[in-house]
Each structure stands twice: as structure tokens, then as C-alpha cells.
Amino acid sequence: MTRLSQAGACEPASSGESHMRMSDEQYFRTCVARERHLAHLLGHQQIEECYETAGTLWAGAQALPQWTRDWGACGSLLAKYRVPITFEPGATANDGDAGTVRAGETRVTLGDHPNPDRALMMAIVREVIRQLEHHRSARPEQAAPLHPHL
């Protein structure tokens, strides 16, 4: 299991197993990659990330929402796609970060993210991506973009 430490350091997981934690930069790049994937599924073309605005994706002159990092953007997805949310506890009472959040059919381990908010946003984004990919594969001729901001 890859987990991000608050300081971005590589440390063993609390369960005593020897796991390397994802660095802050790796986690950030993962968030941007998920946002880019979602933007493509929502019909945005020629998405770019400028050096001056690292982490902000652009489609032409429009800055795209930061769905994995901003509740305003993520909340729109939650409402538009009606994603059901469930939190599931860890294996033991002392293993608080090993719980999971389930967004629709997508499950995310809380300990893989800096905090429960970020885990929940990532779960929502991954679930919307799953829904959109399923929609496209089920009806390729009718796979129009489903975007809450268009």
C-alpha cells in the first residue's frame, strides 16, 4: 500500500509492514492526472498545463476545475452524478487510517491520502470516471459529454 505522509517522507505504514509512502509531488501529479482524464471524458480537447500555473489544467483560455482538490468542483460532480457515499471502518479500532470510503462502486483506502477529505474527493472523481467510461462503452454513438459546467 502506498501512502502519503504529511511531510511527504517515505515511511513504513503504521501496521508494521514495510510500505513506502507516496511523496507529496507524486500525489499531486496523480491528482492532476485524474483531473486530466476526467476532463477528456467530459469532452474537453487540447488540455494543457502551463509552467506558471502548475496543477491548473487549461482548455484554451478556460481553467478547468480541480475536482480532486477543491470541494466546490468536486461537489458539483457529487450532485450531478448522484454518487452514494459510505465510510467503512478499518480492520481494528486502532487502525483508523485503514478504513475506506466507498463512492458508488469505487473504494478508496483512507490511509492512501493525506486526509479523509482528499480520499473522498478522489473516490468521487474515480467513480465519475468509471461511470463515464461505462457510459461510453455501453453506448459509443450516444456518448455525449456529461459535464456539470457546460
N, C-alpha and C. Protein backbone atom coordinates (compact mmCIF):
# COMPACT_ATOMS: atom_id res chain seq x y z
N MET A 1 0.85 -1.17 0.00
CA MET A 1 0.00 0.00 0.00
C MET A 1 0.89 1.23 0.00
N THR A 2 0.62 2.16 -0.90
CA THR A 2 1.36 3.42 -0.97
C THR A 2 0.59 4.48 -0.23
N ARG A 3 1.24 5.15 0.70
CA ARG A 3 0.56 6.16 1.49
C ARG A 3 1.37 7.43 1.53
N LEU A 4 0.66 8.53 1.53
CA LEU A 4 1.30 9.84 1.58
C LEU A 4 1.44 10.27 3.03
N SER A 5 2.63 10.64 3.41
CA SER A 5 2.81 11.20 4.75
C SER A 5 2.58 12.70 4.66
N GLN A 6 2.23 13.30 5.77
CA GLN A 6 2.01 14.74 5.78
C GLN A 6 3.27 15.48 5.36
N ALA A 7 4.42 14.95 5.71
CA ALA A 7 5.67 15.61 5.36
C ALA A 7 6.21 15.15 4.00
N GLY A 8 5.54 14.16 3.39
CA GLY A 8 5.99 13.67 2.10
C GLY A 8 7.14 12.70 2.19
N ALA A 9 7.42 12.21 3.38
CA ALA A 9 8.55 11.32 3.57
C ALA A 9 8.17 9.88 3.26
N CYS A 10 9.16 9.05 2.99
CA CYS A 10 8.93 7.63 2.82
C CYS A 10 9.08 6.98 4.18
N GLU A 11 7.99 6.39 4.66
CA GLU A 11 7.99 5.77 5.98
C GLU A 11 7.23 4.47 5.92
N PRO A 12 7.51 3.54 6.85
CA PRO A 12 6.70 2.33 6.92
C PRO A 12 5.29 2.66 7.37
N ALA A 13 4.32 1.88 6.92
CA ALA A 13 2.94 2.06 7.36
C ALA A 13 2.82 1.72 8.83
N SER A 14 1.77 2.21 9.49
CA SER A 14 1.60 2.03 10.93
C SER A 14 1.38 0.58 11.32
N SER A 15 0.99 -0.28 10.38
CA SER A 15 0.70 -1.67 10.72
C SER A 15 1.96 -2.49 10.92
N GLY A 16 3.13 -1.89 10.78
CA GLY A 16 4.37 -2.61 10.96
C GLY A 16 4.91 -3.18 9.66
N GLU A 17 4.12 -3.15 8.60
CA GLU A 17 4.59 -3.63 7.32
C GLU A 17 5.51 -2.59 6.70
N SER A 18 6.37 -3.02 5.81
CA SER A 18 7.31 -2.10 5.19
C SER A 18 6.75 -1.59 3.86
N HIS A 19 6.02 -0.48 3.91
CA HIS A 19 5.45 0.15 2.72
C HIS A 19 6.09 1.51 2.54
N MET A 20 6.30 1.89 1.31
CA MET A 20 6.81 3.22 1.02
C MET A 20 5.62 4.15 0.80
N ARG A 21 5.70 5.33 1.33
CA ARG A 21 4.63 6.29 1.14
C ARG A 21 4.90 7.14 -0.09
N MET A 22 3.83 7.54 -0.75
CA MET A 22 3.93 8.38 -1.92
C MET A 22 4.36 9.78 -1.50
N SER A 23 5.23 10.40 -2.25
CA SER A 23 5.66 11.76 -1.93
C SER A 23 4.54 12.74 -2.24
N ASP A 24 4.64 13.93 -1.68
CA ASP A 24 3.66 14.97 -1.96
C ASP A 24 3.59 15.26 -3.46
N GLU A 25 4.74 15.32 -4.11
CA GLU A 25 4.79 15.61 -5.54
C GLU A 25 4.11 14.49 -6.34
N GLN A 26 4.36 13.23 -5.98
CA GLN A 26 3.72 12.12 -6.67
C GLN A 26 2.21 12.16 -6.49
N TYR A 27 1.77 12.45 -5.28
CA TYR A 27 0.33 12.53 -5.01
C TYR A 27 -0.29 13.67 -5.83
N PHE A 28 0.35 14.81 -5.84
CA PHE A 28 -0.11 15.97 -6.61
C PHE A 28 -0.24 15.61 -8.09
N ARG A 29 0.79 14.96 -8.64
CA ARG A 29 0.77 14.58 -10.06
C ARG A 29 -0.35 13.58 -10.32
N THR A 30 -0.62 12.68 -9.38
CA THR A 30 -1.72 11.72 -9.51
C THR A 30 -3.05 12.45 -9.58
N CYS A 31 -3.23 13.46 -8.73
CA CYS A 31 -4.46 14.26 -8.74
C CYS A 31 -4.64 14.95 -10.09
N VAL A 32 -3.60 15.57 -10.59
CA VAL A 32 -3.68 16.28 -11.86
C VAL A 32 -3.96 15.30 -13.00
N ALA A 33 -3.36 14.11 -12.94
CA ALA A 33 -3.61 13.10 -13.98
C ALA A 33 -5.07 12.66 -13.97
N ARG A 34 -5.66 12.46 -12.80
CA ARG A 34 -7.08 12.08 -12.71
C ARG A 34 -7.96 13.20 -13.26
N GLU A 35 -7.61 14.44 -12.93
CA GLU A 35 -8.38 15.58 -13.43
C GLU A 35 -8.28 15.68 -14.95
N ARG A 36 -7.12 15.42 -15.50
CA ARG A 36 -6.93 15.45 -16.96
C ARG A 36 -7.78 14.36 -17.61
N HIS A 37 -7.76 13.17 -17.04
CA HIS A 37 -8.55 12.05 -17.57
C HIS A 37 -10.04 12.39 -17.55
N LEU A 38 -10.51 12.93 -16.43
CA LEU A 38 -11.91 13.32 -16.31
C LEU A 38 -12.25 14.41 -17.33
N ALA A 39 -11.39 15.39 -17.48
CA ALA A 39 -11.64 16.47 -18.44
C ALA A 39 -11.80 15.92 -19.86
N HIS A 40 -10.96 14.95 -20.24
CA HIS A 40 -11.09 14.34 -21.56
C HIS A 40 -12.43 13.64 -21.70
N LEU A 41 -12.83 12.89 -20.67
CA LEU A 41 -14.10 12.19 -20.71
C LEU A 41 -15.29 13.15 -20.78
N LEU A 42 -15.11 14.34 -20.23
CA LEU A 42 -16.17 15.34 -20.24
C LEU A 42 -16.17 16.16 -21.53
N GLY A 43 -15.27 15.82 -22.45
CA GLY A 43 -15.30 16.45 -23.77
C GLY A 43 -14.34 17.59 -23.98
N HIS A 44 -13.49 17.89 -23.02
CA HIS A 44 -12.51 18.96 -23.22
C HIS A 44 -11.39 18.46 -24.13
N GLN A 45 -10.97 19.30 -25.04
CA GLN A 45 -9.92 18.95 -26.00
C GLN A 45 -8.68 19.80 -25.74
N GLN A 46 -7.55 19.31 -26.16
CA GLN A 46 -6.28 20.03 -26.07
C GLN A 46 -6.07 20.65 -24.68
N ILE A 47 -6.02 19.81 -23.70
CA ILE A 47 -5.82 20.25 -22.33
C ILE A 47 -4.34 20.46 -22.10
N GLU A 48 -4.00 21.59 -21.51
CA GLU A 48 -2.60 21.93 -21.25
C GLU A 48 -2.42 22.33 -19.80
N GLU A 49 -1.20 22.16 -19.34
CA GLU A 49 -0.81 22.63 -18.01
C GLU A 49 0.38 23.54 -18.20
N CYS A 50 0.24 24.80 -17.83
CA CYS A 50 1.31 25.78 -18.02
C CYS A 50 2.25 25.76 -16.82
N TYR A 51 3.50 25.99 -17.08
CA TYR A 51 4.51 26.01 -16.01
C TYR A 51 4.16 27.03 -14.93
N GLU A 52 3.66 28.19 -15.35
CA GLU A 52 3.36 29.27 -14.41
C GLU A 52 2.21 28.93 -13.48
N THR A 53 1.34 28.03 -13.91
CA THR A 53 0.17 27.66 -13.11
C THR A 53 0.16 26.15 -12.89
N ALA A 54 1.24 25.62 -12.38
CA ALA A 54 1.37 24.18 -12.17
C ALA A 54 0.17 23.64 -11.41
N GLY A 55 -0.40 22.57 -11.93
CA GLY A 55 -1.54 21.94 -11.30
C GLY A 55 -2.87 22.43 -11.80
N THR A 56 -2.88 23.52 -12.56
CA THR A 56 -4.12 24.01 -13.15
C THR A 56 -4.13 23.58 -14.61
N LEU A 57 -5.16 22.85 -14.99
CA LEU A 57 -5.31 22.42 -16.37
C LEU A 57 -6.14 23.45 -17.13
N TRP A 58 -5.77 23.66 -18.37
CA TRP A 58 -6.43 24.66 -19.19
C TRP A 58 -6.95 24.01 -20.46
N ALA A 59 -8.16 24.38 -20.86
CA ALA A 59 -8.72 24.02 -22.16
C ALA A 59 -8.93 25.35 -22.86
N GLY A 60 -7.98 25.71 -23.72
CA GLY A 60 -7.98 27.05 -24.32
C GLY A 60 -7.68 28.06 -23.23
N ALA A 61 -8.54 29.08 -23.10
CA ALA A 61 -8.33 30.12 -22.09
C ALA A 61 -9.11 29.82 -20.80
N GLN A 62 -9.77 28.66 -20.74
CA GLN A 62 -10.58 28.30 -19.58
C GLN A 62 -9.81 27.39 -18.63
N ALA A 63 -9.70 27.81 -17.37
CA ALA A 63 -9.11 26.96 -16.35
C ALA A 63 -10.14 25.90 -15.98
N LEU A 64 -9.71 24.65 -15.94
CA LEU A 64 -10.61 23.56 -15.61
C LEU A 64 -10.70 23.38 -14.09
N PRO A 65 -11.81 22.86 -13.60
CA PRO A 65 -11.96 22.65 -12.16
C PRO A 65 -10.91 21.68 -11.62
N GLN A 66 -10.55 21.86 -10.37
CA GLN A 66 -9.61 20.97 -9.69
C GLN A 66 -10.43 19.98 -8.87
N TRP A 67 -11.03 19.02 -9.57
CA TRP A 67 -12.00 18.11 -8.97
C TRP A 67 -11.46 17.30 -7.80
N THR A 68 -10.18 16.94 -7.81
CA THR A 68 -9.63 16.14 -6.71
C THR A 68 -9.11 16.99 -5.56
N ARG A 69 -9.17 18.33 -5.71
CA ARG A 69 -8.54 19.20 -4.72
C ARG A 69 -9.41 20.34 -4.25
N ASP A 70 -10.62 20.49 -4.80
CA ASP A 70 -11.48 21.61 -4.46
C ASP A 70 -12.91 21.11 -4.28
N TRP A 71 -13.48 21.35 -3.09
CA TRP A 71 -14.83 20.86 -2.80
C TRP A 71 -15.88 21.51 -3.67
N GLY A 72 -15.69 22.75 -4.08
CA GLY A 72 -16.65 23.39 -4.96
C GLY A 72 -16.78 22.63 -6.27
N ALA A 73 -15.66 22.23 -6.83
CA ALA A 73 -15.65 21.48 -8.08
C ALA A 73 -16.12 20.04 -7.87
N CYS A 74 -15.63 19.41 -6.83
CA CYS A 74 -15.98 18.02 -6.56
C CYS A 74 -17.45 17.88 -6.17
N GLY A 75 -17.95 18.85 -5.41
CA GLY A 75 -19.35 18.82 -5.00
C GLY A 75 -20.29 18.84 -6.19
N SER A 76 -19.92 19.56 -7.25
CA SER A 76 -20.72 19.58 -8.48
C SER A 76 -20.83 18.19 -9.08
N LEU A 77 -19.70 17.46 -9.07
CA LEU A 77 -19.72 16.09 -9.59
C LEU A 77 -20.60 15.20 -8.72
N LEU A 78 -20.47 15.34 -7.42
CA LEU A 78 -21.25 14.53 -6.48
C LEU A 78 -22.74 14.70 -6.73
N ALA A 79 -23.18 15.93 -6.91
CA ALA A 79 -24.59 16.22 -7.13
C ALA A 79 -25.04 15.78 -8.53
N LYS A 80 -24.26 16.11 -9.54
CA LYS A 80 -24.63 15.81 -10.93
C LYS A 80 -24.75 14.31 -11.17
N TYR A 81 -23.80 13.53 -10.64
CA TYR A 81 -23.77 12.10 -10.90
C TYR A 81 -24.37 11.28 -9.77
N ARG A 82 -24.90 11.96 -8.74
CA ARG A 82 -25.62 11.31 -7.62
C ARG A 82 -24.83 10.12 -7.06
N VAL A 83 -23.61 10.40 -6.67
CA VAL A 83 -22.70 9.36 -6.18
C VAL A 83 -23.02 9.06 -4.71
N PRO A 84 -23.42 7.84 -4.40
CA PRO A 84 -23.65 7.49 -2.99
C PRO A 84 -22.32 7.30 -2.26
N ILE A 85 -22.25 7.77 -1.03
CA ILE A 85 -21.01 7.73 -0.25
C ILE A 85 -21.21 6.88 1.00
N THR A 86 -20.24 6.01 1.29
CA THR A 86 -20.24 5.20 2.51
C THR A 86 -18.82 5.15 3.06
N PHE A 87 -18.69 5.38 4.36
CA PHE A 87 -17.40 5.19 5.02
C PHE A 87 -17.43 3.85 5.72
N GLU A 88 -16.34 3.09 5.56
CA GLU A 88 -16.22 1.78 6.18
C GLU A 88 -15.02 1.79 7.11
N PRO A 89 -15.19 1.27 8.34
CA PRO A 89 -14.10 1.32 9.32
C PRO A 89 -12.94 0.41 8.93
N GLY A 90 -11.79 0.66 9.59
CA GLY A 90 -10.62 -0.18 9.39
C GLY A 90 -10.82 -1.54 10.04
N ALA A 91 -9.82 -2.39 9.91
CA ALA A 91 -9.91 -3.75 10.44
C ALA A 91 -9.97 -3.78 11.95
N THR A 92 -9.29 -2.83 12.61
CA THR A 92 -9.31 -2.78 14.07
C THR A 92 -9.58 -1.36 14.52
N ALA A 93 -9.97 -1.21 15.76
CA ALA A 93 -10.25 0.12 16.31
C ALA A 93 -9.00 0.99 16.32
N ASN A 94 -7.81 0.38 16.44
CA ASN A 94 -6.55 1.14 16.49
C ASN A 94 -6.01 1.45 15.11
N ASP A 95 -6.69 1.02 14.09
CA ASP A 95 -6.19 1.16 12.72
C ASP A 95 -7.05 2.17 11.96
N GLY A 96 -7.21 3.38 12.52
CA GLY A 96 -8.11 4.39 11.99
C GLY A 96 -7.86 4.78 10.55
N ASP A 97 -6.60 4.80 10.10
CA ASP A 97 -6.32 5.23 8.74
C ASP A 97 -6.50 4.12 7.72
N ALA A 98 -6.84 2.91 8.17
CA ALA A 98 -7.00 1.80 7.24
C ALA A 98 -8.45 1.65 6.78
N GLY A 99 -9.33 2.54 7.22
CA GLY A 99 -10.70 2.49 6.77
C GLY A 99 -10.78 2.87 5.30
N THR A 100 -11.97 2.72 4.75
CA THR A 100 -12.15 3.05 3.34
C THR A 100 -13.36 3.96 3.18
N VAL A 101 -13.38 4.63 2.05
CA VAL A 101 -14.56 5.39 1.64
C VAL A 101 -15.00 4.77 0.32
N ARG A 102 -16.29 4.55 0.22
CA ARG A 102 -16.84 3.97 -0.99
C ARG A 102 -17.72 5.03 -1.66
N ALA A 103 -17.42 5.32 -2.92
CA ALA A 103 -18.21 6.24 -3.72
C ALA A 103 -18.78 5.42 -4.87
N GLY A 104 -20.07 5.12 -4.80
CA GLY A 104 -20.65 4.24 -5.81
C GLY A 104 -19.97 2.89 -5.75
N GLU A 105 -19.40 2.46 -6.86
CA GLU A 105 -18.71 1.17 -6.92
C GLU A 105 -17.20 1.31 -6.71
N THR A 106 -16.74 2.50 -6.41
CA THR A 106 -15.30 2.77 -6.25
C THR A 106 -14.95 2.82 -4.77
N ARG A 107 -13.92 2.09 -4.37
CA ARG A 107 -13.47 2.06 -2.99
C ARG A 107 -12.05 2.62 -2.91
N VAL A 108 -11.82 3.51 -1.94
CA VAL A 108 -10.52 4.15 -1.75
C VAL A 108 -10.12 3.98 -0.28
N THR A 109 -8.88 3.61 -0.04
CA THR A 109 -8.36 3.47 1.32
C THR A 109 -7.98 4.84 1.86
N LEU A 110 -8.51 5.17 3.03
CA LEU A 110 -8.25 6.49 3.63
C LEU A 110 -6.76 6.74 3.86
N GLY A 111 -6.03 5.73 4.27
CA GLY A 111 -4.61 5.88 4.57
C GLY A 111 -3.74 6.16 3.36
N ASP A 112 -4.31 6.04 2.15
CA ASP A 112 -3.54 6.33 0.93
C ASP A 112 -3.57 7.81 0.57
N HIS A 113 -4.23 8.61 1.40
CA HIS A 113 -4.44 10.03 1.11
C HIS A 113 -4.06 10.87 2.33
N PRO A 114 -3.75 12.15 2.13
CA PRO A 114 -3.32 12.98 3.25
C PRO A 114 -4.37 13.15 4.34
N ASN A 115 -5.66 13.08 3.98
CA ASN A 115 -6.73 13.21 4.96
C ASN A 115 -8.01 12.64 4.36
N PRO A 116 -9.05 12.44 5.18
CA PRO A 116 -10.30 11.86 4.67
C PRO A 116 -10.97 12.71 3.58
N ASP A 117 -10.86 14.03 3.66
CA ASP A 117 -11.44 14.89 2.61
C ASP A 117 -10.85 14.56 1.25
N ARG A 118 -9.53 14.47 1.20
CA ARG A 118 -8.85 14.20 -0.07
C ARG A 118 -9.18 12.80 -0.57
N ALA A 119 -9.30 11.84 0.35
CA ALA A 119 -9.69 10.48 -0.04
C ALA A 119 -11.09 10.49 -0.64
N LEU A 120 -12.00 11.21 -0.02
CA LEU A 120 -13.37 11.28 -0.51
C LEU A 120 -13.44 11.95 -1.88
N MET A 121 -12.72 13.05 -2.06
CA MET A 121 -12.73 13.72 -3.37
C MET A 121 -12.17 12.79 -4.45
N MET A 122 -11.09 12.07 -4.14
CA MET A 122 -10.51 11.16 -5.12
C MET A 122 -11.48 10.03 -5.44
N ALA A 123 -12.18 9.53 -4.43
CA ALA A 123 -13.15 8.45 -4.66
C ALA A 123 -14.28 8.94 -5.57
N ILE A 124 -14.76 10.14 -5.35
CA ILE A 124 -15.83 10.70 -6.18
C ILE A 124 -15.35 10.86 -7.62
N VAL A 125 -14.17 11.41 -7.81
CA VAL A 125 -13.63 11.60 -9.16
C VAL A 125 -13.44 10.26 -9.85
N ARG A 126 -12.87 9.29 -9.15
CA ARG A 126 -12.67 7.97 -9.75
C ARG A 126 -14.00 7.32 -10.12
N GLU A 127 -15.03 7.51 -9.29
CA GLU A 127 -16.34 6.93 -9.58
C GLU A 127 -16.97 7.60 -10.79
N VAL A 128 -16.87 8.91 -10.90
CA VAL A 128 -17.43 9.61 -12.07
C VAL A 128 -16.69 9.16 -13.33
N ILE A 129 -15.38 9.01 -13.25
CA ILE A 129 -14.62 8.49 -14.39
C ILE A 129 -15.14 7.10 -14.75
N ARG A 130 -15.35 6.25 -13.77
CA ARG A 130 -15.86 4.90 -14.02
C ARG A 130 -17.23 4.96 -14.71
N GLN A 131 -18.11 5.82 -14.21
CA GLN A 131 -19.44 5.95 -14.80
C GLN A 131 -19.36 6.43 -16.25
N LEU A 132 -18.53 7.44 -16.49
CA LEU A 132 -18.41 7.98 -17.85
C LEU A 132 -17.80 6.96 -18.81
N GLU A 133 -16.80 6.22 -18.36
CA GLU A 133 -16.20 5.19 -19.21
C GLU A 133 -17.20 4.08 -19.49
N HIS A 134 -18.00 3.72 -18.49
CA HIS A 134 -19.03 2.70 -18.67
C HIS A 134 -20.09 3.21 -19.66
N HIS A 135 -20.48 4.46 -19.53
CA HIS A 135 -21.45 5.08 -20.43
C HIS A 135 -20.94 5.06 -21.87
N ARG A 136 -19.67 5.38 -22.04
CA ARG A 136 -19.08 5.39 -23.39
C ARG A 136 -19.02 3.99 -23.98
N SER A 137 -18.63 3.01 -23.17
CA SER A 137 -18.51 1.65 -23.71
C SER A 137 -19.88 1.03 -23.96
N ALA A 138 -20.88 1.43 -23.19
CA ALA A 138 -22.22 0.88 -23.36
C ALA A 138 -22.91 1.46 -24.59
N ARG A 139 -22.72 2.76 -24.86
CA ARG A 139 -23.38 3.44 -25.97
C ARG A 139 -22.41 4.39 -26.66
N PRO A 140 -21.46 3.88 -27.41
CA PRO A 140 -20.47 4.77 -28.02
C PRO A 140 -21.09 5.82 -28.94
N GLU A 141 -22.19 5.53 -29.60
CA GLU A 141 -22.79 6.50 -30.52
C GLU A 141 -23.51 7.62 -29.77
N GLN A 142 -23.85 7.41 -28.49
CA GLN A 142 -24.57 8.42 -27.72
C GLN A 142 -23.73 8.95 -26.57
N ALA A 143 -22.44 8.79 -26.62
CA ALA A 143 -21.57 9.16 -25.50
C ALA A 143 -21.24 10.63 -25.54
N ALA A 144 -22.24 11.47 -25.50
CA ALA A 144 -22.02 12.91 -25.44
C ALA A 144 -21.42 13.27 -24.09
N PRO A 145 -20.64 14.34 -24.03
CA PRO A 145 -20.06 14.74 -22.76
C PRO A 145 -21.14 15.02 -21.71
N LEU A 146 -20.91 14.53 -20.51
CA LEU A 146 -21.80 14.79 -19.38
C LEU A 146 -21.05 15.66 -18.41
N HIS A 147 -21.15 16.95 -18.55
CA HIS A 147 -20.33 17.87 -17.77
C HIS A 147 -21.21 18.85 -17.02
N PRO A 148 -21.04 18.98 -15.71
CA PRO A 148 -21.87 19.90 -14.93
C PRO A 148 -21.58 21.37 -15.21
N HIS A 149 -20.46 21.68 -15.85
CA HIS A 149 -20.08 23.08 -16.07
C HIS A 149 -20.29 23.53 -17.51
N LEU A 150 -20.82 22.67 -18.37
CA LEU A 150 -21.03 23.07 -19.77
C LEU A 150 -22.44 23.57 -19.97
